[in-house]
Amino acid sequence: MLKARVVTALVLVAVLSGLLFAAPADWVFVAFALIAAVAAWEWAGLMRIDRAGRYFFAATLLALCWMAHVREADVFPVLWGAAAVFWVFLAPLWLARKWTLFSNDMLGYLLGALLIVSTWAALVDLYRRGTWILLAVMATVWVADIAAYFCGRAWGVRKLAPSISPGKTWEGALGGAVGVLVWGFAIGPVAGLWGMLSMAQIALVALGLLLFAALSVVGDLFESLLKRQAGLKDSSAVLPGHGGVLDRIDSLTSTLPILAFILHVR
């Protein structure tokens, strides 16, 4: 299992690096859309939709990505804003009430389309701002996940959400937050940021990093709840050792659209 996980991770890193640094921009956007389509296929599976419905939803997501791309100046900000409202206000309530997508296909399809297409749009926008910017943002989410995992294993005692994800602890969440702060303040000097920011602005950046870490946990827990309600351990088995695409991008769906929205309105 560990070997498959490591091999898959190395392959994914190699493919992602080659794509971002060597492929034409249009190819990158299409690749992001294909990833979104696979995520949509998995999302429909969490809704317990039959095979035909899953493929239909995946194809629909591809079409929605194209339509959003055609009118992106108008559509992208709306998608990011709507996703931000969901993750900041509705997702915590969803987790507390343990609402379900079952028996309400329309809600499930609409919510899945919003969360997945808004993430695709955020990937496109951040990539245009700079490949290293996109990688730095994605790495921030990965650092939060990795730090939370190891700190939770080493010191985790108090369960964060035992009825949703028994393995997550408050100590792990705190470790993820600290890891994000360390990462942020490590890459700040490399990017030449600190010389341009006042102390008040640096404090604001630190607060933003903590909120970023908190949002990544919300995204992780939200997908864990959907999987538990569907009776599944992973969203799919397309990535050996890792589960599905949704398992790998759950924290990205709750962070990237909000960051893209902030960058848009600032």
C-alpha atoms as a PDB file:
ATOM      1  CA  MET A   1       0.000   0.000   0.000  1.00  0.00           C
ATOM      2  CA  LEU A   2       2.771   2.423   0.971  1.00  0.00           C
ATOM      3  CA  LYS A   3       4.775   1.493  -2.129  1.00  0.00           C
ATOM      4  CA  ALA A   4       1.775   2.116  -4.384  1.00  0.00           C
ATOM      5  CA  ARG A   5       1.145   5.421  -2.623  1.00  0.00           C
ATOM      6  CA  VAL A   6       4.737   6.595  -3.112  1.00  0.00           C
ATOM      7  CA  VAL A   7       4.931   5.461  -6.751  1.00  0.00           C
ATOM      8  CA  THR A   8       1.611   7.134  -7.586  1.00  0.00           C
ATOM      9  CA  ALA A   9       2.705  10.353  -5.867  1.00  0.00           C
ATOM     10  CA  LEU A  10       5.969  10.438  -7.835  1.00  0.00           C
ATOM     11  CA  VAL A  11       4.134   9.839 -11.121  1.00  0.00           C
ATOM     12  CA  LEU A  12       1.613  12.578 -10.318  1.00  0.00           C
ATOM     13  CA  VAL A  13       4.369  15.054  -9.452  1.00  0.00           C
ATOM     14  CA  ALA A  14       6.231  14.248 -12.678  1.00  0.00           C
ATOM     15  CA  VAL A  15       3.098  14.588 -14.821  1.00  0.00           C
ATOM     16  CA  LEU A  16       2.013  17.800 -13.097  1.00  0.00           C
ATOM     17  CA  SER A  17       5.471  19.356 -13.440  1.00  0.00           C
ATOM     18  CA  GLY A  18       5.733  18.456 -17.109  1.00  0.00           C
ATOM     19  CA  LEU A  19       2.253  19.780 -17.756  1.00  0.00           C
ATOM     20  CA  LEU A  20       2.709  23.105 -15.963  1.00  0.00           C
ATOM     21  CA  PHE A  21       6.185  23.897 -17.244  1.00  0.00           C
ATOM     22  CA  ALA A  22       6.220  22.396 -20.743  1.00  0.00           C
ATOM     23  CA  ALA A  23       2.673  22.201 -22.107  1.00  0.00           C
ATOM     24  CA  PRO A  24       0.861  25.076 -23.881  1.00  0.00           C
ATOM     25  CA  ALA A  25      -1.599  26.961 -21.691  1.00  0.00           C
ATOM     26  CA  ASP A  26      -4.649  25.602 -23.530  1.00  0.00           C
ATOM     27  CA  TRP A  27      -3.502  22.048 -22.881  1.00  0.00           C
ATOM     28  CA  VAL A  28      -3.141  22.854 -19.200  1.00  0.00           C
ATOM     29  CA  PHE A  29      -6.688  24.208 -19.058  1.00  0.00           C
ATOM     30  CA  VAL A  30      -8.002  21.084 -20.795  1.00  0.00           C
ATOM     31  CA  ALA A  31      -6.069  18.848 -18.393  1.00  0.00           C
ATOM     32  CA  PHE A  32      -7.567  20.729 -15.447  1.00  0.00           C
ATOM     33  CA  ALA A  33     -11.026  20.235 -17.011  1.00  0.00           C
ATOM     34  CA  LEU A  34     -10.431  16.489 -17.404  1.00  0.00           C
ATOM     35  CA  ILE A  35      -9.469  16.296 -13.739  1.00  0.00           C
ATOM     36  CA  ALA A  36     -12.687  18.159 -12.928  1.00  0.00           C
ATOM     37  CA  ALA A  37     -14.648  15.630 -15.017  1.00  0.00           C
ATOM     38  CA  VAL A  38     -13.175  12.709 -13.074  1.00  0.00           C
ATOM     39  CA  ALA A  39     -13.990  14.516  -9.828  1.00  0.00           C
ATOM     40  CA  ALA A  40     -17.571  14.980 -11.082  1.00  0.00           C
ATOM     41  CA  TRP A  41     -17.806  11.262 -11.881  1.00  0.00           C
ATOM     42  CA  GLU A  42     -16.710  10.502  -8.319  1.00  0.00           C
ATOM     43  CA  TRP A  43     -19.081  13.106  -6.870  1.00  0.00           C
ATOM     44  CA  ALA A  44     -22.036  11.422  -8.583  1.00  0.00           C
ATOM     45  CA  GLY A  45     -20.827   8.167  -7.064  1.00  0.00           C
ATOM     46  CA  LEU A  46     -21.011   9.721  -3.598  1.00  0.00           C
ATOM     47  CA  MET A  47     -24.620  10.603  -4.461  1.00  0.00           C
ATOM     48  CA  ARG A  48     -25.220   6.914  -5.318  1.00  0.00           C
ATOM     49  CA  ILE A  49     -26.085   7.775  -8.903  1.00  0.00           C
ATOM     50  CA  ASP A  50     -25.974   4.882 -11.391  1.00  0.00           C
ATOM     51  CA  ARG A  51     -23.163   4.443 -13.914  1.00  0.00           C
ATOM     52  CA  ALA A  52     -24.937   6.254 -16.762  1.00  0.00           C
ATOM     53  CA  GLY A  53     -25.717   9.192 -14.492  1.00  0.00           C
ATOM     54  CA  ARG A  54     -22.103   9.397 -13.348  1.00  0.00           C
ATOM     55  CA  TYR A  55     -20.776   9.611 -16.897  1.00  0.00           C
ATOM     56  CA  PHE A  56     -23.482  12.114 -17.806  1.00  0.00           C
ATOM     57  CA  PHE A  57     -22.465  14.361 -14.907  1.00  0.00           C
ATOM     58  CA  ALA A  58     -18.787  14.092 -15.890  1.00  0.00           C
ATOM     59  CA  ALA A  59     -19.622  15.123 -19.463  1.00  0.00           C
ATOM     60  CA  THR A  60     -21.818  17.942 -18.160  1.00  0.00           C
ATOM     61  CA  LEU A  61     -18.927  19.270 -16.070  1.00  0.00           C
ATOM     62  CA  LEU A  62     -16.701  19.372 -19.137  1.00  0.00           C
ATOM     63  CA  ALA A  63     -19.344  21.392 -20.942  1.00  0.00           C
ATOM     64  CA  LEU A  64     -19.750  23.716 -17.963  1.00  0.00           C
ATOM     65  CA  CYS A  65     -15.988  24.317 -17.824  1.00  0.00           C
ATOM     66  CA  TRP A  66     -16.051  25.268 -21.499  1.00  0.00           C
ATOM     67  CA  MET A  67     -19.028  27.599 -21.065  1.00  0.00           C
ATOM     68  CA  ALA A  68     -17.399  29.230 -18.042  1.00  0.00           C
ATOM     69  CA  HIS A  69     -14.197  29.679 -20.047  1.00  0.00           C
ATOM     70  CA  VAL A  70     -16.064  31.433 -22.872  1.00  0.00           C
ATOM     71  CA  ARG A  71     -17.522  34.026 -20.458  1.00  0.00           C
ATOM     72  CA  GLU A  72     -14.853  33.822 -17.785  1.00  0.00           C
ATOM     73  CA  ALA A  73     -14.608  37.553 -17.037  1.00  0.00           C
ATOM     74  CA  ASP A  74     -18.217  37.497 -15.900  1.00  0.00           C
ATOM     75  CA  VAL A  75     -18.592  33.903 -14.707  1.00  0.00           C
ATOM     76  CA  PHE A  76     -15.373  33.149 -12.805  1.00  0.00           C
ATOM     77  CA  PRO A  77     -15.871  35.787 -10.055  1.00  0.00           C
ATOM     78  CA  VAL A  78     -19.478  34.674  -9.543  1.00  0.00           C
ATOM     79  CA  LEU A  79     -18.382  31.048  -9.164  1.00  0.00           C
ATOM     80  CA  TRP A  80     -15.659  31.971  -6.681  1.00  0.00           C
ATOM     81  CA  GLY A  81     -17.971  34.205  -4.671  1.00  0.00           C
ATOM     82  CA  ALA A  82     -20.679  31.543  -4.479  1.00  0.00           C
ATOM     83  CA  ALA A  83     -18.119  28.913  -3.467  1.00  0.00           C
ATOM     84  CA  ALA A  84     -16.737  31.258  -0.781  1.00  0.00           C
ATOM     85  CA  VAL A  85     -20.235  31.713   0.672  1.00  0.00           C
ATOM     86  CA  PHE A  86     -20.694  27.952   0.788  1.00  0.00           C
ATOM     87  CA  TRP A  87     -17.350  27.145   2.427  1.00  0.00           C
ATOM     88  CA  VAL A  88     -17.366  29.974   4.964  1.00  0.00           C
ATOM     89  CA  PHE A  89     -21.025  29.935   6.001  1.00  0.00           C
ATOM     90  CA  LEU A  90     -22.838  26.803   4.822  1.00  0.00           C
ATOM     91  CA  ALA A  91     -20.196  24.054   5.021  1.00  0.00           C
ATOM     92  CA  PRO A  92     -19.655  24.403   8.803  1.00  0.00           C
ATOM     93  CA  LEU A  93     -23.431  24.248   9.286  1.00  0.00           C
ATOM     94  CA  TRP A  94     -23.612  21.258   6.935  1.00  0.00           C
ATOM     95  CA  LEU A  95     -20.987  19.442   8.999  1.00  0.00           C
ATOM     96  CA  ALA A  96     -22.729  20.293  12.279  1.00  0.00           C
ATOM     97  CA  ARG A  97     -26.166  19.162  11.041  1.00  0.00           C
ATOM     98  CA  LYS A  98     -24.759  16.284   8.967  1.00  0.00           C
ATOM     99  CA  TRP A  99     -27.006  17.015   6.017  1.00  0.00           C
ATOM    100  CA  THR A 100     -26.995  14.514   3.167  1.00  0.00           C
ATOM    101  CA  LEU A 101     -27.158  14.705  -0.605  1.00  0.00           C
ATOM    102  CA  PHE A 102     -29.273  11.555  -0.896  1.00  0.00           C
ATOM    103  CA  SER A 103     -32.859  11.866  -2.133  1.00  0.00           C
ATOM    104  CA  ASN A 104     -32.117  15.351  -3.460  1.00  0.00           C
ATOM    105  CA  ASP A 105     -30.338  14.860  -6.778  1.00  0.00           C
ATOM    106  CA  MET A 106     -30.846  18.417  -7.988  1.00  0.00           C
ATOM    107  CA  LEU A 107     -29.111  19.882  -4.927  1.00  0.00           C
ATOM    108  CA  GLY A 108     -26.314  17.357  -5.272  1.00  0.00           C
ATOM    109  CA  TYR A 109     -25.710  18.111  -8.943  1.00  0.00           C
ATOM    110  CA  LEU A 110     -25.845  21.883  -8.441  1.00  0.00           C
ATOM    111  CA  LEU A 111     -23.524  21.813  -5.429  1.00  0.00           C
ATOM    112  CA  GLY A 112     -21.076  19.461  -7.131  1.00  0.00           C
ATOM    113  CA  ALA A 113     -21.017  21.645 -10.237  1.00  0.00           C
ATOM    114  CA  LEU A 114     -20.401  24.785  -8.180  1.00  0.00           C
ATOM    115  CA  LEU A 115     -17.601  23.348  -6.054  1.00  0.00           C
ATOM    116  CA  ILE A 116     -15.798  21.522  -8.859  1.00  0.00           C
ATOM    117  CA  VAL A 117     -16.126  24.128 -11.625  1.00  0.00           C
ATOM    118  CA  SER A 118     -15.148  26.952  -9.240  1.00  0.00           C
ATOM    119  CA  THR A 119     -12.020  24.973  -8.331  1.00  0.00           C
ATOM    120  CA  TRP A 120     -11.217  24.446 -12.020  1.00  0.00           C
ATOM    121  CA  ALA A 121     -11.663  28.188 -12.623  1.00  0.00           C
ATOM    122  CA  ALA A 122      -9.361  28.960  -9.681  1.00  0.00           C
ATOM    123  CA  LEU A 123      -6.688  26.609 -11.048  1.00  0.00           C
ATOM    124  CA  VAL A 124      -6.887  28.367 -14.418  1.00  0.00           C
ATOM    125  CA  ASP A 125      -6.665  31.822 -12.849  1.00  0.00           C
ATOM    126  CA  LEU A 126      -3.775  31.011 -10.511  1.00  0.00           C
ATOM    127  CA  TYR A 127      -1.888  29.294 -13.340  1.00  0.00           C
ATOM    128  CA  ARG A 128      -2.208  32.445 -15.433  1.00  0.00           C
ATOM    129  CA  ARG A 129      -0.832  34.494 -12.557  1.00  0.00           C
ATOM    130  CA  GLY A 130       2.255  32.296 -12.571  1.00  0.00           C
ATOM    131  CA  THR A 131       3.160  28.622 -12.458  1.00  0.00           C
ATOM    132  CA  TRP A 132       5.166  29.101  -9.282  1.00  0.00           C
ATOM    133  CA  ILE A 133       2.273  30.973  -7.666  1.00  0.00           C
ATOM    134  CA  LEU A 134      -0.063  28.049  -8.358  1.00  0.00           C
ATOM    135  CA  LEU A 135       2.468  25.524  -7.079  1.00  0.00           C
ATOM    136  CA  ALA A 136       3.157  27.577  -3.942  1.00  0.00           C
ATOM    137  CA  VAL A 137      -0.562  27.765  -3.161  1.00  0.00           C
ATOM    138  CA  MET A 138      -1.095  24.053  -3.784  1.00  0.00           C
ATOM    139  CA  ALA A 139       1.983  23.270  -1.706  1.00  0.00           C
ATOM    140  CA  THR A 140       0.482  25.267   1.170  1.00  0.00           C
ATOM    141  CA  VAL A 141      -2.502  22.896   1.171  1.00  0.00           C
ATOM    142  CA  TRP A 142      -0.223  19.865   0.948  1.00  0.00           C
ATOM    143  CA  VAL A 143       1.902  21.153   3.837  1.00  0.00           C
ATOM    144  CA  ALA A 144      -1.239  21.590   5.945  1.00  0.00           C
ATOM    145  CA  ASP A 145      -2.337  18.021   5.188  1.00  0.00           C
ATOM    146  CA  ILE A 146       1.086  16.464   5.773  1.00  0.00           C
ATOM    147  CA  ALA A 147       1.782  18.392   8.981  1.00  0.00           C
ATOM    148  CA  ALA A 148      -1.694  17.558  10.304  1.00  0.00           C
ATOM    149  CA  TYR A 149      -1.197  13.881   9.513  1.00  0.00           C
ATOM    150  CA  PHE A 150       2.166  13.506  11.247  1.00  0.00           C
ATOM    151  CA  CYS A 151       1.312  15.704  14.227  1.00  0.00           C
ATOM    152  CA  GLY A 152      -1.942  13.825  14.667  1.00  0.00           C
ATOM    153  CA  ARG A 153      -0.144  10.502  14.636  1.00  0.00           C
ATOM    154  CA  ALA A 154       2.520  11.704  17.052  1.00  0.00           C
ATOM    155  CA  TRP A 155       0.448  13.690  19.542  1.00  0.00           C
ATOM    156  CA  GLY A 156      -3.204  13.340  18.582  1.00  0.00           C
ATOM    157  CA  VAL A 157      -5.520  12.698  21.527  1.00  0.00           C
ATOM    158  CA  ARG A 158      -8.638  14.856  21.250  1.00  0.00           C
ATOM    159  CA  LYS A 159     -10.849  13.900  18.311  1.00  0.00           C
ATOM    160  CA  LEU A 160     -11.760  16.718  15.957  1.00  0.00           C
ATOM    161  CA  ALA A 161     -14.899  15.186  14.448  1.00  0.00           C
ATOM    162  CA  PRO A 162     -15.157  11.548  15.578  1.00  0.00           C
ATOM    163  CA  SER A 163     -18.495  10.876  13.878  1.00  0.00           C
ATOM    164  CA  ILE A 164     -17.187  12.158  10.538  1.00  0.00           C
ATOM    165  CA  SER A 165     -13.474  11.326  10.432  1.00  0.00           C
ATOM    166  CA  PRO A 166     -12.292   9.424  13.548  1.00  0.00           C
ATOM    167  CA  GLY A 167      -8.618   9.743  12.623  1.00  0.00           C
ATOM    168  CA  LYS A 168      -8.509  13.540  12.740  1.00  0.00           C
ATOM    169  CA  THR A 169      -7.559  15.284  15.966  1.00  0.00           C
ATOM    170  CA  TRP A 170      -7.328  18.829  17.279  1.00  0.00           C
ATOM    171  CA  GLU A 171      -3.590  18.324  17.775  1.00  0.00           C
ATOM    172  CA  GLY A 172      -3.265  17.359  14.112  1.00  0.00           C
ATOM    173  CA  ALA A 173      -5.260  20.420  13.029  1.00  0.00           C
ATOM    174  CA  LEU A 174      -3.012  22.629  15.174  1.00  0.00           C
ATOM    175  CA  GLY A 175       0.051  20.979  13.665  1.00  0.00           C
ATOM    176  CA  GLY A 176      -1.307  21.706  10.188  1.00  0.00           C
ATOM    177  CA  ALA A 177      -1.800  25.370  11.094  1.00  0.00           C
ATOM    178  CA  VAL A 178       1.752  25.629  12.454  1.00  0.00           C
ATOM    179  CA  GLY A 179       3.095  23.872   9.363  1.00  0.00           C
ATOM    180  CA  VAL A 180       1.339  26.380   7.102  1.00  0.00           C
ATOM    181  CA  LEU A 181       2.763  29.302   9.077  1.00  0.00           C
ATOM    182  CA  VAL A 182       6.285  27.871   8.896  1.00  0.00           C
ATOM    183  CA  TRP A 183       5.888  27.242   5.163  1.00  0.00           C
ATOM    184  CA  GLY A 184       4.496  30.703   4.523  1.00  0.00           C
ATOM    185  CA  PHE A 185       7.221  32.485   6.434  1.00  0.00           C
ATOM    186  CA  ALA A 186       9.872  30.283   4.788  1.00  0.00           C
ATOM    187  CA  ILE A 187       8.855  31.129   1.218  1.00  0.00           C
ATOM    188  CA  GLY A 188       8.165  34.789   2.013  1.00  0.00           C
ATOM    189  CA  PRO A 189      11.818  35.878   1.922  1.00  0.00           C
ATOM    190  CA  VAL A 190      12.474  33.731  -1.154  1.00  0.00           C
ATOM    191  CA  ALA A 191       9.647  35.517  -2.961  1.00  0.00           C
ATOM    192  CA  GLY A 192      10.920  38.864  -1.722  1.00  0.00           C
ATOM    193  CA  LEU A 193       7.650  39.635   0.051  1.00  0.00           C
ATOM    194  CA  TRP A 194       8.719  40.719   3.515  1.00  0.00           C
ATOM    195  CA  GLY A 195      10.682  43.703   2.265  1.00  0.00           C
ATOM    196  CA  MET A 196       7.501  45.039   0.643  1.00  0.00           C
ATOM    197  CA  LEU A 197       5.176  44.505   3.640  1.00  0.00           C
ATOM    198  CA  SER A 198       4.728  46.378   6.886  1.00  0.00           C
ATOM    199  CA  MET A 199       4.460  44.517  10.201  1.00  0.00           C
ATOM    200  CA  ALA A 200       0.694  44.973  10.148  1.00  0.00           C
ATOM    201  CA  GLN A 201       0.536  43.450   6.668  1.00  0.00           C
ATOM    202  CA  ILE A 202       2.751  40.545   7.746  1.00  0.00           C
ATOM    203  CA  ALA A 203       0.403  39.896  10.669  1.00  0.00           C
ATOM    204  CA  LEU A 204      -2.495  39.940   8.222  1.00  0.00           C
ATOM    205  CA  VAL A 205      -0.693  37.404   6.042  1.00  0.00           C
ATOM    206  CA  ALA A 206      -0.200  35.173   9.092  1.00  0.00           C
ATOM    207  CA  LEU A 207      -3.917  35.397   9.866  1.00  0.00           C
ATOM    208  CA  GLY A 208      -4.698  34.560   6.250  1.00  0.00           C
ATOM    209  CA  LEU A 209      -2.466  31.485   6.424  1.00  0.00           C
ATOM    210  CA  LEU A 210      -4.271  30.287   9.555  1.00  0.00           C
ATOM    211  CA  LEU A 211      -7.648  30.762   7.869  1.00  0.00           C
ATOM    212  CA  PHE A 212      -6.282  28.932   4.833  1.00  0.00           C
ATOM    213  CA  ALA A 213      -5.350  25.975   7.059  1.00  0.00           C
ATOM    214  CA  ALA A 214      -8.782  26.019   8.709  1.00  0.00           C
ATOM    215  CA  LEU A 215     -10.551  26.030   5.334  1.00  0.00           C
ATOM    216  CA  SER A 216      -8.462  23.087   4.156  1.00  0.00           C
ATOM    217  CA  VAL A 217      -9.705  21.110   7.172  1.00  0.00           C
ATOM    218  CA  VAL A 218     -13.314  22.043   6.380  1.00  0.00           C
ATOM    219  CA  GLY A 219     -12.909  20.793   2.809  1.00  0.00           C
ATOM    220  CA  ASP A 220     -11.354  17.555   4.024  1.00  0.00           C
ATOM    221  CA  LEU A 221     -14.099  16.961   6.597  1.00  0.00           C
ATOM    222  CA  PHE A 222     -16.853  17.767   4.113  1.00  0.00           C
ATOM    223  CA  GLU A 223     -15.686  15.113   1.668  1.00  0.00           C
ATOM    224  CA  SER A 224     -15.175  12.666   4.556  1.00  0.00           C
ATOM    225  CA  LEU A 225     -18.794  13.202   5.591  1.00  0.00           C
ATOM    226  CA  LEU A 226     -20.055  12.533   2.070  1.00  0.00           C
ATOM    227  CA  LYS A 227     -17.973   9.353   1.836  1.00  0.00           C
ATOM    228  CA  ARG A 228     -19.185   8.135   5.239  1.00  0.00           C
ATOM    229  CA  GLN A 229     -22.794   8.757   4.268  1.00  0.00           C
ATOM    230  CA  ALA A 230     -22.222   6.878   0.999  1.00  0.00           C
ATOM    231  CA  GLY A 231     -20.534   4.000   2.827  1.00  0.00           C
ATOM    232  CA  LEU A 232     -17.267   4.463   0.952  1.00  0.00           C
ATOM    233  CA  LYS A 233     -13.675   4.618   2.173  1.00  0.00           C
ATOM    234  CA  ASP A 234     -12.426   6.480  -0.929  1.00  0.00           C
ATOM    235  CA  SER A 235     -14.184   8.484  -3.626  1.00  0.00           C
ATOM    236  CA  SER A 236     -12.838   5.973  -6.187  1.00  0.00           C
ATOM    237  CA  ALA A 237      -9.765   3.845  -6.883  1.00  0.00           C
ATOM    238  CA  VAL A 238      -8.355   5.700  -9.899  1.00  0.00           C
ATOM    239  CA  LEU A 239      -5.169   6.663  -8.019  1.00  0.00           C
ATOM    240  CA  PRO A 240      -3.504   3.532  -6.557  1.00  0.00           C
ATOM    241  CA  GLY A 241      -2.713   4.035  -2.892  1.00  0.00           C
ATOM    242  CA  HIS A 242      -4.465   7.401  -2.809  1.00  0.00           C
ATOM    243  CA  GLY A 243      -8.093   6.670  -3.622  1.00  0.00           C
ATOM    244  CA  GLY A 244      -9.779   9.081  -5.991  1.00  0.00           C
ATOM    245  CA  VAL A 245      -9.288  12.550  -7.405  1.00  0.00           C
ATOM    246  CA  LEU A 246     -11.711  14.048  -4.875  1.00  0.00           C
ATOM    247  CA  ASP A 247      -9.636  12.523  -2.082  1.00  0.00           C
ATOM    248  CA  ARG A 248      -6.645  14.476  -3.358  1.00  0.00           C
ATOM    249  CA  ILE A 249      -8.346  17.789  -4.134  1.00  0.00           C
ATOM    250  CA  ASP A 250     -10.880  18.007  -1.275  1.00  0.00           C
ATOM    251  CA  SER A 251      -8.839  20.678   0.517  1.00  0.00           C
ATOM    252  CA  LEU A 252      -8.172  22.493  -2.758  1.00  0.00           C
ATOM    253  CA  THR A 253     -11.897  22.856  -3.434  1.00  0.00           C
ATOM    254  CA  SER A 254     -12.344  24.769  -0.169  1.00  0.00           C
ATOM    255  CA  THR A 255      -9.287  27.010  -0.510  1.00  0.00           C
ATOM    256  CA  LEU A 256      -8.437  27.831  -4.131  1.00  0.00           C
ATOM    257  CA  PRO A 257     -11.764  29.456  -5.124  1.00  0.00           C
ATOM    258  CA  ILE A 258     -11.683  31.698  -2.052  1.00  0.00           C
ATOM    259  CA  LEU A 259      -8.086  32.738  -2.735  1.00  0.00           C
ATOM    260  CA  ALA A 260      -8.913  33.425  -6.387  1.00  0.00           C
ATOM    261  CA  PHE A 261     -11.893  35.540  -5.305  1.00  0.00           C
ATOM    262  CA  ILE A 262      -9.750  37.557  -2.858  1.00  0.00           C
ATOM    263  CA  LEU A 263      -7.109  38.172  -5.540  1.00  0.00           C
ATOM    264  CA  HIS A 264      -9.856  39.257  -7.936  1.00  0.00           C
ATOM    265  CA  VAL A 265     -11.482  41.835  -5.643  1.00  0.00           C
ATOM    266  CA  ARG A 266      -8.408  43.222  -3.903  1.00  0.00           C
END
